[in-house]
C-alpha atoms as a PDB file:
ATOM      1  CA  MET A   1     109.108 100.643 115.670  1.00  0.00           C
ATOM      2  CA  PRO A   2     106.249 103.120 115.203  1.00  0.00           C
ATOM      3  CA  GLU A   3     105.035 104.935 118.311  1.00  0.00           C
ATOM      4  CA  ALA A   4     101.433 103.940 117.617  1.00  0.00           C
ATOM      5  CA  LYS A   5     102.474 100.290 117.566  1.00  0.00           C
ATOM      6  CA  LYS A   6     104.525 100.609 120.774  1.00  0.00           C
ATOM      7  CA  GLU A   7     101.547 102.085 122.578  1.00  0.00           C
ATOM      8  CA  GLY A   8      99.240  99.379 121.222  1.00  0.00           C
ATOM      9  CA  ILE A   9      96.939 101.982 119.675  1.00  0.00           C
ATOM     10  CA  MET A  10      96.794 100.710 116.107  1.00  0.00           C
ATOM     11  CA  LYS A  11      98.571  98.623 113.509  1.00  0.00           C
ATOM     12  CA  LEU A  12     100.054  99.991 110.289  1.00  0.00           C
ATOM     13  CA  ALA A  13      97.385  98.297 108.175  1.00  0.00           C
ATOM     14  CA  GLU A  14      94.718 100.369 109.966  1.00  0.00           C
ATOM     15  CA  LEU A  15      96.326 103.729 109.136  1.00  0.00           C
ATOM     16  CA  PHE A  16      95.570 103.897 105.410  1.00  0.00           C
ATOM     17  CA  PRO A  17      91.897 103.709 104.405  1.00  0.00           C
ATOM     18  CA  ALA A  18      91.184 103.437 100.686  1.00  0.00           C
ATOM     19  CA  ALA A  19      90.872 106.634  98.632  1.00  0.00           C
ATOM     20  CA  GLY A  20      93.348 108.572 100.756  1.00  0.00           C
ATOM     21  CA  ARG A  21      96.313 110.414  99.283  1.00  0.00           C
ATOM     22  CA  GLY A  22      99.898 110.808 100.301  1.00  0.00           C
ATOM     23  CA  VAL A  23     103.077 112.740  99.669  1.00  0.00           C
ATOM     24  CA  ILE A  24     106.556 111.366 100.152  1.00  0.00           C
ATOM     25  CA  ALA A  25     109.485 113.669 100.879  1.00  0.00           C
ATOM     26  CA  THR A  26     113.101 112.701 100.269  1.00  0.00           C
ATOM     27  CA  ALA A  27     116.388 114.582 100.217  1.00  0.00           C
ATOM     28  CA  SER A  28     119.617 114.059  98.325  1.00  0.00           C
ATOM     29  CA  ALA A  29     122.953 113.649 100.113  1.00  0.00           C
ATOM     30  CA  ALA A  30     123.411 117.400  99.620  1.00  0.00           C
ATOM     31  CA  GLY A  31     120.052 118.110 101.294  1.00  0.00           C
ATOM     32  CA  VAL A  32     118.078 119.027  98.164  1.00  0.00           C
ATOM     33  CA  VAL A  33     114.471 118.111  98.989  1.00  0.00           C
ATOM     34  CA  ASN A  34     111.922 116.530  96.663  1.00  0.00           C
ATOM     35  CA  THR A  35     108.239 115.840  97.266  1.00  0.00           C
ATOM     36  CA  ALA A  36     106.043 113.567  95.199  1.00  0.00           C
ATOM     37  CA  VAL A  37     102.450 112.326  95.303  1.00  0.00           C
ATOM     38  CA  TYR A  38     102.436 108.633  96.212  1.00  0.00           C
ATOM     39  CA  ALA A  39      99.692 106.068  96.577  1.00  0.00           C
ATOM     40  CA  ARG A  40      98.802 104.314  99.794  1.00  0.00           C
ATOM     41  CA  PRO A  41     101.621 101.995 100.822  1.00  0.00           C
ATOM     42  CA  HIS A  42     101.613  98.211 100.722  1.00  0.00           C
ATOM     43  CA  VAL A  43     101.820  96.989 104.321  1.00  0.00           C
ATOM     44  CA  ILE A  44     104.400  94.207 104.531  1.00  0.00           C
ATOM     45  CA  ASP A  45     104.511  93.626 108.295  1.00  0.00           C
ATOM     46  CA  ASP A  46     104.151  95.518 111.590  1.00  0.00           C
ATOM     47  CA  GLU A  47     106.989  97.911 110.755  1.00  0.00           C
ATOM     48  CA  THR A  48     107.539  97.706 106.987  1.00  0.00           C
ATOM     49  CA  LEU A  49     105.799  99.520 104.121  1.00  0.00           C
ATOM     50  CA  ALA A  50     106.483  99.294 100.386  1.00  0.00           C
ATOM     51  CA  TRP A  51     105.867 101.592  97.427  1.00  0.00           C
ATOM     52  CA  GLY A  52     106.445 101.267  93.713  1.00  0.00           C
ATOM     53  CA  MET A  53     108.915 103.790  92.346  1.00  0.00           C
ATOM     54  CA  THR A  54     109.905 105.228  88.981  1.00  0.00           C
ATOM     55  CA  ASP A  55     113.430 106.340  88.069  1.00  0.00           C
ATOM     56  CA  GLY A  56     112.589 109.858  89.285  1.00  0.00           C
ATOM     57  CA  ARG A  57     114.032 112.163  91.930  1.00  0.00           C
ATOM     58  CA  SER A  58     112.622 110.264  94.930  1.00  0.00           C
ATOM     59  CA  TYR A  59     114.386 107.098  93.787  1.00  0.00           C
ATOM     60  CA  GLY A  60     117.613 108.981  93.130  1.00  0.00           C
ATOM     61  CA  ASN A  61     117.494 110.686  96.513  1.00  0.00           C
ATOM     62  CA  LEU A  62     116.884 107.423  98.349  1.00  0.00           C
ATOM     63  CA  LYS A  63     119.951 105.888  96.744  1.00  0.00           C
ATOM     64  CA  GLU A  64     121.965 108.720  98.359  1.00  0.00           C
ATOM     65  CA  ASN A  65     120.022 109.199 101.605  1.00  0.00           C
ATOM     66  CA  PRO A  66     117.829 106.427 103.105  1.00  0.00           C
ATOM     67  CA  HIS A  67     115.593 108.753 105.150  1.00  0.00           C
ATOM     68  CA  ALA A  68     112.145 109.836 103.984  1.00  0.00           C
ATOM     69  CA  SER A  69     108.850 111.125 105.307  1.00  0.00           C
ATOM     70  CA  TYR A  70     105.347 110.201 104.180  1.00  0.00           C
ATOM     71  CA  LEU A  71     102.289 112.358 104.816  1.00  0.00           C
ATOM     72  CA  TYR A  72      98.972 110.545 104.401  1.00  0.00           C
ATOM     73  CA  MET A  73      95.662 112.416 104.163  1.00  0.00           C
ATOM     74  CA  ALA A  74      92.621 110.288 104.944  1.00  0.00           C
ATOM     75  CA  PRO A  75      89.556 110.538 102.659  1.00  0.00           C
ATOM     76  CA  VAL A  76      87.411 112.517 105.108  1.00  0.00           C
ATOM     77  CA  SER A  77      86.482 116.168 105.455  1.00  0.00           C
ATOM     78  CA  GLY A  78      88.784 118.132 107.680  1.00  0.00           C
ATOM     79  CA  PHE A  79      92.319 117.163 108.499  1.00  0.00           C
ATOM     80  CA  SER A  80      92.816 113.523 109.365  1.00  0.00           C
ATOM     81  CA  GLY A  81      95.805 111.382 108.595  1.00  0.00           C
ATOM     82  CA  TRP A  82      99.346 110.513 109.576  1.00  0.00           C
ATOM     83  CA  ARG A  83     102.946 111.645 109.284  1.00  0.00           C
ATOM     84  CA  LEU A  84     105.438 108.815 109.106  1.00  0.00           C
ATOM     85  CA  ASN A  85     109.207 108.928 109.324  1.00  0.00           C
ATOM     86  CA  LEU A  86     110.794 106.209 107.236  1.00  0.00           C
ATOM     87  CA  GLU A  87     114.146 104.553 106.691  1.00  0.00           C
ATOM     88  CA  LEU A  88     114.835 102.684 103.458  1.00  0.00           C
ATOM     89  CA  LYS A  89     115.567  99.002 104.062  1.00  0.00           C
ATOM     90  CA  GLU A  90     116.063  97.888 100.464  1.00  0.00           C
ATOM     91  CA  ILE A  91     115.105  98.477  96.851  1.00  0.00           C
ATOM     92  CA  GLU A  92     114.121  95.610  94.552  1.00  0.00           C
ATOM     93  CA  ASP A  93     114.156  95.836  90.772  1.00  0.00           C
ATOM     94  CA  GLY A  94     112.040  92.725  90.175  1.00  0.00           C
ATOM     95  CA  GLY A  95     109.836  90.149  91.867  1.00  0.00           C
ATOM     96  CA  ASP A  96     106.242  89.511  92.850  1.00  0.00           C
ATOM     97  CA  MET A  97     105.692  92.779  94.728  1.00  0.00           C
ATOM     98  CA  LEU A  98     106.897  94.835  91.766  1.00  0.00           C
ATOM     99  CA  GLU A  99     104.543  92.984  89.438  1.00  0.00           C
ATOM    100  CA  LYS A 100     101.644  93.429  91.886  1.00  0.00           C
ATOM    101  CA  ILE A 101     102.275  97.179  92.132  1.00  0.00           C
ATOM    102  CA  ARG A 102     102.659  97.562  88.352  1.00  0.00           C
ATOM    103  CA  LYS A 103      99.384  95.722  87.742  1.00  0.00           C
ATOM    104  CA  SER A 104      97.522  97.792  90.332  1.00  0.00           C
ATOM    105  CA  THR A 105      98.942 101.037  88.929  1.00  0.00           C
ATOM    106  CA  MET A 106      97.925 100.046  85.383  1.00  0.00           C
ATOM    107  CA  GLU A 107      94.357  99.371  86.550  1.00  0.00           C
ATOM    108  CA  ILE A 108      93.977 102.526  88.657  1.00  0.00           C
ATOM    109  CA  VAL A 109      96.084 105.120  86.823  1.00  0.00           C
ATOM    110  CA  GLY A 110      96.710 103.652  83.376  1.00  0.00           C
ATOM    111  CA  PRO A 111      99.092 101.482  81.341  1.00  0.00           C
ATOM    112  CA  GLU A 112     101.730 104.188  80.871  1.00  0.00           C
ATOM    113  CA  ALA A 113     101.949 104.874  84.616  1.00  0.00           C
ATOM    114  CA  GLY A 114     102.217 101.166  85.405  1.00  0.00           C
ATOM    115  CA  ALA A 115     105.019 100.710  82.877  1.00  0.00           C
ATOM    116  CA  MET A 116     107.003 103.507  84.557  1.00  0.00           C
ATOM    117  CA  ILE A 117     107.185 101.631  87.888  1.00  0.00           C
ATOM    118  CA  ARG A 118     110.653 100.067  87.901  1.00  0.00           C
ATOM    119  CA  HIS A 119     111.470  99.517  91.580  1.00  0.00           C
ATOM    120  CA  VAL A 120     109.941  98.648  94.937  1.00  0.00           C
ATOM    121  CA  GLY A 121     111.216 100.521  97.968  1.00  0.00           C
ATOM    122  CA  TYR A 122     110.806  98.796 101.327  1.00  0.00           C
ATOM    123  CA  PHE A 123     110.826 101.126 104.327  1.00  0.00           C
ATOM    124  CA  ARG A 124     111.008 100.644 108.073  1.00  0.00           C
ATOM    125  CA  VAL A 125     108.598 102.978 109.854  1.00  0.00           C
ATOM    126  CA  THR A 126     110.552 104.761 112.581  1.00  0.00           C
ATOM    127  CA  GLU A 127     107.823 107.099 113.834  1.00  0.00           C
ATOM    128  CA  VAL A 128     104.075 107.642 113.375  1.00  0.00           C
ATOM    129  CA  ARG A 129     102.462 110.965 114.311  1.00  0.00           C
ATOM    130  CA  PRO A 130      98.966 112.340 113.694  1.00  0.00           C
ATOM    131  CA  LEU A 131      98.564 114.742 110.778  1.00  0.00           C
ATOM    132  CA  ILE A 132      97.586 117.504 113.185  1.00  0.00           C
END
């Protein structure tokens, strides 16, 4: 359970204002690290976040190693945001959430980007820390 939640400071849904940006970091079983720009997550419940994923390196790494980190930069001047440690719960290759993420990606980024989303990764948030 995230530290912020344990302390009663804030809920996951309050951490990600619109227009912010994030980077997810994953590592293969051999420890080869990959970083990728990712959108704001979809908040599922008090400890679960979801992202749409392509068949890229992040997806491949998560199939080998379920641990990831997400750095979110809030849309303000200065340095405001969060660092989250994550553990993959499951990956879905179909369903309502995948369709919702594809549709949103098509509207915001474009049809080609939306068509590339093939999976939804669901993550348990294991730790939340301030950006700085």
